[in-house]
PDB file of all heavy atoms in Angstrom:
ATOM      1  N   GLU A   1      -3.734  19.597  -4.360  1.00  0.00           N
ATOM      2  CA  GLU A   1      -3.780  19.171  -2.972  1.00  0.00           C
ATOM      3  C   GLU A   1      -2.827  18.008  -2.767  1.00  0.00           C
ATOM      4  O   GLU A   1      -2.779  17.091  -3.583  1.00  0.00           O
ATOM      5  CB  GLU A   1      -5.198  18.746  -2.622  1.00  0.00           C
ATOM      6  CG  GLU A   1      -5.429  18.662  -1.157  1.00  0.00           C
ATOM      7  CD  GLU A   1      -6.908  18.754  -0.816  1.00  0.00           C
ATOM      8  OE1 GLU A   1      -7.738  18.483  -1.674  1.00  0.00           O
ATOM      9  OE2 GLU A   1      -7.181  19.097   0.330  1.00  0.00           O
ATOM     10  N   GLU A   2      -2.075  18.041  -1.689  1.00  0.00           N
ATOM     11  CA  GLU A   2      -1.121  16.971  -1.421  1.00  0.00           C
ATOM     12  C   GLU A   2      -1.657  16.118  -0.290  1.00  0.00           C
ATOM     13  O   GLU A   2      -1.639  16.488   0.869  1.00  0.00           O
ATOM     14  CB  GLU A   2       0.253  17.560  -1.112  1.00  0.00           C
ATOM     15  CG  GLU A   2       0.743  18.308  -2.338  1.00  0.00           C
ATOM     16  CD  GLU A   2       2.141  18.835  -2.227  1.00  0.00           C
ATOM     17  OE1 GLU A   2       2.666  18.872  -1.118  1.00  0.00           O
ATOM     18  OE2 GLU A   2       2.697  19.206  -3.264  1.00  0.00           O
ATOM     19  N   ILE A   3      -2.210  14.984  -0.686  1.00  0.00           N
ATOM     20  CA  ILE A   3      -2.853  14.094   0.282  1.00  0.00           C
ATOM     21  C   ILE A   3      -1.855  12.987   0.590  1.00  0.00           C
ATOM     22  O   ILE A   3      -1.230  12.452  -0.319  1.00  0.00           O
ATOM     23  CB  ILE A   3      -4.129  13.471  -0.325  1.00  0.00           C
ATOM     24  CG1 ILE A   3      -4.996  14.564  -0.953  1.00  0.00           C
ATOM     25  CG2 ILE A   3      -4.904  12.685   0.708  1.00  0.00           C
ATOM     26  CD1 ILE A   3      -6.090  14.041  -1.836  1.00  0.00           C
ATOM     27  N   SER A   4      -1.725  12.662   1.850  1.00  0.00           N
ATOM     28  CA  SER A   4      -0.836  11.554   2.174  1.00  0.00           C
ATOM     29  C   SER A   4      -1.539  10.252   1.811  1.00  0.00           C
ATOM     30  O   SER A   4      -2.757  10.204   1.694  1.00  0.00           O
ATOM     31  CB  SER A   4      -0.486  11.583   3.653  1.00  0.00           C
ATOM     32  OG  SER A   4      -1.656  11.696   4.400  1.00  0.00           O
ATOM     33  N   PRO A   5      -0.752   9.177   1.622  1.00  0.00           N
ATOM     34  CA  PRO A   5      -1.403   7.880   1.405  1.00  0.00           C
ATOM     35  C   PRO A   5      -2.342   7.622   2.577  1.00  0.00           C
ATOM     36  O   PRO A   5      -1.950   7.801   3.728  1.00  0.00           O
ATOM     37  CB  PRO A   5      -0.237   6.886   1.394  1.00  0.00           C
ATOM     38  CG  PRO A   5       0.980   7.706   1.075  1.00  0.00           C
ATOM     39  CD  PRO A   5       0.709   9.075   1.630  1.00  0.00           C
ATOM     40  N   VAL A   6      -3.601   7.253   2.305  1.00  0.00           N
ATOM     41  CA  VAL A   6      -4.548   7.096   3.405  1.00  0.00           C
ATOM     42  C   VAL A   6      -4.692   5.651   3.845  1.00  0.00           C
ATOM     43  O   VAL A   6      -5.223   5.382   4.906  1.00  0.00           O
ATOM     44  CB  VAL A   6      -5.951   7.648   3.052  1.00  0.00           C
ATOM     45  CG1 VAL A   6      -5.903   9.151   2.996  1.00  0.00           C
ATOM     46  CG2 VAL A   6      -6.471   7.080   1.758  1.00  0.00           C
ATOM     47  N   GLN A   7      -4.237   4.721   3.036  1.00  0.00           N
ATOM     48  CA  GLN A   7      -4.236   3.346   3.525  1.00  0.00           C
ATOM     49  C   GLN A   7      -3.083   2.573   2.921  1.00  0.00           C
ATOM     50  O   GLN A   7      -2.717   2.779   1.777  1.00  0.00           O
ATOM     51  CB  GLN A   7      -5.569   2.634   3.251  1.00  0.00           C
ATOM     52  CG  GLN A   7      -5.999   2.665   1.820  1.00  0.00           C
ATOM     53  CD  GLN A   7      -7.404   2.115   1.609  1.00  0.00           C
ATOM     54  OE1 GLN A   7      -7.996   2.369   0.596  1.00  0.00           O
ATOM     55  NE2 GLN A   7      -7.930   1.354   2.550  1.00  0.00           N
ATOM     56  N   VAL A   8      -2.501   1.724   3.752  1.00  0.00           N
ATOM     57  CA  VAL A   8      -1.450   0.816   3.308  1.00  0.00           C
ATOM     58  C   VAL A   8      -1.965  -0.585   3.610  1.00  0.00           C
ATOM     59  O   VAL A   8      -2.339  -0.877   4.742  1.00  0.00           O
ATOM     60  CB  VAL A   8      -0.121   1.081   4.053  1.00  0.00           C
ATOM     61  CG1 VAL A   8       0.894   0.003   3.722  1.00  0.00           C
ATOM     62  CG2 VAL A   8       0.428   2.443   3.668  1.00  0.00           C
ATOM     63  N   LEU A   9      -2.016  -1.421   2.594  1.00  0.00           N
ATOM     64  CA  LEU A   9      -2.542  -2.780   2.758  1.00  0.00           C
ATOM     65  C   LEU A   9      -1.422  -3.790   2.557  1.00  0.00           C
ATOM     66  O   LEU A   9      -0.630  -3.666   1.620  1.00  0.00           O
ATOM     67  CB  LEU A   9      -3.644  -3.049   1.723  1.00  0.00           C
ATOM     68  CG  LEU A   9      -4.858  -2.137   1.829  1.00  0.00           C
ATOM     69  CD1 LEU A   9      -5.774  -2.323   0.629  1.00  0.00           C
ATOM     70  CD2 LEU A   9      -5.622  -2.432   3.115  1.00  0.00           C
ATOM     71  N   ILE A  10      -1.369  -4.769   3.435  1.00  0.00           N
ATOM     72  CA  ILE A  10      -0.404  -5.854   3.320  1.00  0.00           C
ATOM     73  C   ILE A  10      -1.184  -7.111   2.936  1.00  0.00           C
ATOM     74  O   ILE A  10      -2.200  -7.417   3.559  1.00  0.00           O
ATOM     75  CB  ILE A  10       0.308  -6.110   4.673  1.00  0.00           C
ATOM     76  CG1 ILE A  10       0.876  -4.806   5.249  1.00  0.00           C
ATOM     77  CG2 ILE A  10       1.370  -7.187   4.527  1.00  0.00           C
ATOM     78  CD1 ILE A  10       2.016  -4.198   4.491  1.00  0.00           C
ATOM     79  N   SER A  11      -0.720  -7.805   1.895  1.00  0.00           N
ATOM     80  CA  SER A  11      -1.435  -9.022   1.487  1.00  0.00           C
ATOM     81  C   SER A  11      -0.433 -10.055   0.993  1.00  0.00           C
ATOM     82  O   SER A  11       0.766  -9.777   0.888  1.00  0.00           O
ATOM     83  CB  SER A  11      -2.453  -8.698   0.389  1.00  0.00           C
ATOM     84  OG  SER A  11      -1.815  -8.061  -0.695  1.00  0.00           O
ATOM     85  N   ASP A  12      -0.946 -11.246   0.664  1.00  0.00           N
ATOM     86  CA  ASP A  12      -0.122 -12.324   0.108  1.00  0.00           C
ATOM     87  C   ASP A  12       1.136 -12.563   0.934  1.00  0.00           C
ATOM     88  O   ASP A  12       2.240 -12.656   0.398  1.00  0.00           O
ATOM     89  CB  ASP A  12       0.298 -12.007  -1.341  1.00  0.00           C
ATOM     90  CG  ASP A  12      -0.907 -11.835  -2.247  1.00  0.00           C
ATOM     91  OD1 ASP A  12      -1.979 -12.342  -1.882  1.00  0.00           O
ATOM     92  OD2 ASP A  12      -0.778 -11.177  -3.281  1.00  0.00           O
ATOM     93  N   SER A  13       0.967 -12.601   2.243  1.00  0.00           N
ATOM     94  CA  SER A  13       2.125 -12.755   3.110  1.00  0.00           C
ATOM     95  C   SER A  13       2.613 -14.195   3.093  1.00  0.00           C
ATOM     96  O   SER A  13       1.829 -15.124   3.277  1.00  0.00           O
ATOM     97  CB  SER A  13       1.719 -12.352   4.528  1.00  0.00           C
ATOM     98  OG  SER A  13       2.798 -12.526   5.392  1.00  0.00           O
ATOM     99  N   GLY A  14       3.917 -14.389   2.829  1.00  0.00           N
ATOM    100  CA  GLY A  14       4.536 -15.711   2.868  1.00  0.00           C
ATOM    101  C   GLY A  14       5.700 -15.679   3.835  1.00  0.00           C
ATOM    102  O   GLY A  14       5.894 -14.686   4.537  1.00  0.00           O
ATOM    103  N   PRO A  15       6.495 -16.741   3.912  1.00  0.00           N
ATOM    104  CA  PRO A  15       7.627 -16.754   4.849  1.00  0.00           C
ATOM    105  C   PRO A  15       8.694 -15.715   4.495  1.00  0.00           C
ATOM    106  O   PRO A  15       9.391 -15.218   5.369  1.00  0.00           O
ATOM    107  CB  PRO A  15       8.201 -18.168   4.725  1.00  0.00           C
ATOM    108  CG  PRO A  15       7.200 -18.964   3.985  1.00  0.00           C
ATOM    109  CD  PRO A  15       6.328 -18.033   3.221  1.00  0.00           C
ATOM    110  N   HIS A  16       8.863 -15.415   3.190  1.00  0.00           N
ATOM    111  CA  HIS A  16       9.978 -14.565   2.777  1.00  0.00           C
ATOM    112  C   HIS A  16       9.548 -13.327   2.001  1.00  0.00           C
ATOM    113  O   HIS A  16      10.401 -12.601   1.483  1.00  0.00           O
ATOM    114  CB  HIS A  16      10.967 -15.372   1.923  1.00  0.00           C
ATOM    115  CG  HIS A  16      11.501 -16.566   2.649  1.00  0.00           C
ATOM    116  ND1 HIS A  16      12.378 -16.451   3.708  1.00  0.00           N
ATOM    117  CD2 HIS A  16      11.243 -17.888   2.498  1.00  0.00           C
ATOM    118  CE1 HIS A  16      12.656 -17.660   4.168  1.00  0.00           C
ATOM    119  NE2 HIS A  16      11.976 -18.544   3.456  1.00  0.00           N
ATOM    120  N   SER A  17       8.254 -13.099   1.863  1.00  0.00           N
ATOM    121  CA  SER A  17       7.816 -11.938   1.082  1.00  0.00           C
ATOM    122  C   SER A  17       6.394 -11.550   1.477  1.00  0.00           C
ATOM    123  O   SER A  17       5.669 -12.337   2.089  1.00  0.00           O
ATOM    124  CB  SER A  17       7.848 -12.255  -0.416  1.00  0.00           C
ATOM    125  OG  SER A  17       6.863 -13.229  -0.712  1.00  0.00           O
ATOM    126  N   PHE A  18       6.015 -10.325   1.145  1.00  0.00           N
ATOM    127  CA  PHE A  18       4.608  -9.918   1.201  1.00  0.00           C
ATOM    128  C   PHE A  18       4.393  -8.807   0.183  1.00  0.00           C
ATOM    129  O   PHE A  18       5.340  -8.212  -0.348  1.00  0.00           O
ATOM    130  CB  PHE A  18       4.167  -9.506   2.603  1.00  0.00           C
ATOM    131  CG  PHE A  18       5.063  -8.515   3.306  1.00  0.00           C
ATOM    132  CD1 PHE A  18       5.060  -7.168   2.963  1.00  0.00           C
ATOM    133  CD2 PHE A  18       5.910  -8.933   4.329  1.00  0.00           C
ATOM    134  CE1 PHE A  18       5.879  -6.270   3.621  1.00  0.00           C
ATOM    135  CE2 PHE A  18       6.740  -8.025   4.989  1.00  0.00           C
ATOM    136  CZ  PHE A  18       6.722  -6.696   4.631  1.00  0.00           C
ATOM    137  N   HIS A  19       3.127  -8.569  -0.107  1.00  0.00           N
ATOM    138  CA  HIS A  19       2.729  -7.592  -1.097  1.00  0.00           C
ATOM    139  C   HIS A  19       2.246  -6.345  -0.358  1.00  0.00           C
ATOM    140  O   HIS A  19       1.492  -6.462   0.605  1.00  0.00           O
ATOM    141  CB  HIS A  19       1.597  -8.219  -1.936  1.00  0.00           C
ATOM    142  CG  HIS A  19       1.168  -7.391  -3.088  1.00  0.00           C
ATOM    143  ND1 HIS A  19       0.026  -6.638  -3.067  1.00  0.00           N
ATOM    144  CD2 HIS A  19       1.728  -7.213  -4.311  1.00  0.00           C
ATOM    145  CE1 HIS A  19      -0.097  -6.016  -4.241  1.00  0.00           C
ATOM    146  NE2 HIS A  19       0.916  -6.343  -5.005  1.00  0.00           N
ATOM    147  N   VAL A  20       2.707  -5.181  -0.784  1.00  0.00           N
ATOM    148  CA  VAL A  20       2.296  -3.921  -0.164  1.00  0.00           C
ATOM    149  C   VAL A  20       1.568  -3.100  -1.220  1.00  0.00           C
ATOM    150  O   VAL A  20       2.069  -2.935  -2.333  1.00  0.00           O
ATOM    151  CB  VAL A  20       3.521  -3.109   0.316  1.00  0.00           C
ATOM    152  CG1 VAL A  20       3.083  -1.842   1.045  1.00  0.00           C
ATOM    153  CG2 VAL A  20       4.424  -3.944   1.207  1.00  0.00           C
ATOM    154  N   SER A  21       0.372  -2.591  -0.885  1.00  0.00           N
ATOM    155  CA  SER A  21      -0.306  -1.688  -1.808  1.00  0.00           C
ATOM    156  C   SER A  21      -0.839  -0.505  -1.020  1.00  0.00           C
ATOM    157  O   SER A  21      -0.972  -0.562   0.196  1.00  0.00           O
ATOM    158  CB  SER A  21      -1.432  -2.401  -2.550  1.00  0.00           C
ATOM    159  OG  SER A  21      -2.342  -2.965  -1.639  1.00  0.00           O
ATOM    160  N   TRP A  22      -1.108   0.592  -1.729  1.00  0.00           N
ATOM    161  CA  TRP A  22      -1.539   1.807  -1.034  1.00  0.00           C
ATOM    162  C   TRP A  22      -2.488   2.597  -1.919  1.00  0.00           C
ATOM    163  O   TRP A  22      -2.577   2.374  -3.127  1.00  0.00           O
ATOM    164  CB  TRP A  22      -0.336   2.658  -0.624  1.00  0.00           C
ATOM    165  CG  TRP A  22       0.596   2.959  -1.756  1.00  0.00           C
ATOM    166  CD1 TRP A  22       0.533   4.001  -2.614  1.00  0.00           C
ATOM    167  CD2 TRP A  22       1.720   2.166  -2.158  1.00  0.00           C
ATOM    168  NE1 TRP A  22       1.545   3.928  -3.529  1.00  0.00           N
ATOM    169  CE2 TRP A  22       2.292   2.816  -3.273  1.00  0.00           C
ATOM    170  CE3 TRP A  22       2.302   0.990  -1.680  1.00  0.00           C
ATOM    171  CZ2 TRP A  22       3.425   2.308  -3.926  1.00  0.00           C
ATOM    172  CZ3 TRP A  22       3.419   0.495  -2.331  1.00  0.00           C
ATOM    173  CH2 TRP A  22       3.971   1.152  -3.432  1.00  0.00           C
ATOM    174  N   ALA A  23      -3.202   3.507  -1.312  1.00  0.00           N
ATOM    175  CA  ALA A  23      -4.159   4.353  -2.004  1.00  0.00           C
ATOM    176  C   ALA A  23      -4.216   5.692  -1.274  1.00  0.00           C
ATOM    177  O   ALA A  23      -3.883   5.769  -0.104  1.00  0.00           O
ATOM    178  CB  ALA A  23      -5.535   3.682  -1.998  1.00  0.00           C
ATOM    179  N   PRO A  24      -4.663   6.761  -1.902  1.00  0.00           N
ATOM    180  CA  PRO A  24      -4.983   6.829  -3.334  1.00  0.00           C
ATOM    181  C   PRO A  24      -3.727   7.047  -4.163  1.00  0.00           C
ATOM    182  O   PRO A  24      -2.672   7.356  -3.627  1.00  0.00           O
ATOM    183  CB  PRO A  24      -5.876   8.081  -3.413  1.00  0.00           C
ATOM    184  CG  PRO A  24      -5.345   8.963  -2.315  1.00  0.00           C
ATOM    185  CD  PRO A  24      -4.900   8.026  -1.213  1.00  0.00           C
ATOM    186  N   VAL A  25      -3.847   6.898  -5.494  1.00  0.00           N
ATOM    187  CA  VAL A  25      -2.757   7.224  -6.408  1.00  0.00           C
ATOM    188  C   VAL A  25      -3.039   8.623  -6.939  1.00  0.00           C
ATOM    189  O   VAL A  25      -4.143   8.906  -7.393  1.00  0.00           O
ATOM    190  CB  VAL A  25      -2.688   6.205  -7.561  1.00  0.00           C
ATOM    191  CG1 VAL A  25      -1.650   6.629  -8.585  1.00  0.00           C
ATOM    192  CG2 VAL A  25      -2.351   4.835  -7.019  1.00  0.00           C
ATOM    193  N   LEU A  26      -2.071   9.518  -6.841  1.00  0.00           N
ATOM    194  CA  LEU A  26      -2.291  10.923  -7.193  1.00  0.00           C
ATOM    195  C   LEU A  26      -1.323  11.371  -8.276  1.00  0.00           C
ATOM    196  O   LEU A  26      -0.166  10.975  -8.279  1.00  0.00           O
ATOM    197  CB  LEU A  26      -2.078  11.796  -5.946  1.00  0.00           C
ATOM    198  CG  LEU A  26      -2.998  11.455  -4.781  1.00  0.00           C
ATOM    199  CD1 LEU A  26      -2.445  12.019  -3.504  1.00  0.00           C
ATOM    200  CD2 LEU A  26      -4.381  12.005  -5.050  1.00  0.00           C
ATOM    201  N   ASP A  27      -1.804  12.230  -9.162  1.00  0.00           N
ATOM    202  CA  ASP A  27      -0.949  12.758 -10.226  1.00  0.00           C
ATOM    203  C   ASP A  27       0.190  13.601  -9.684  1.00  0.00           C
ATOM    204  O   ASP A  27       1.204  13.775 -10.337  1.00  0.00           O
ATOM    205  CB  ASP A  27      -1.782  13.640 -11.173  1.00  0.00           C
ATOM    206  CG  ASP A  27      -2.754  12.806 -11.988  1.00  0.00           C
ATOM    207  OD1 ASP A  27      -2.544  11.577 -12.071  1.00  0.00           O
ATOM    208  OD2 ASP A  27      -3.710  13.381 -12.530  1.00  0.00           O
TER     209      ASP A  27
END
């Protein structure tokens, strides 16, 4: 089954960078 990423999270936001993470991770 090909599931699209269901959530994108932005965290650790600073003036010049931020962290992006997503789920789920699929084989």
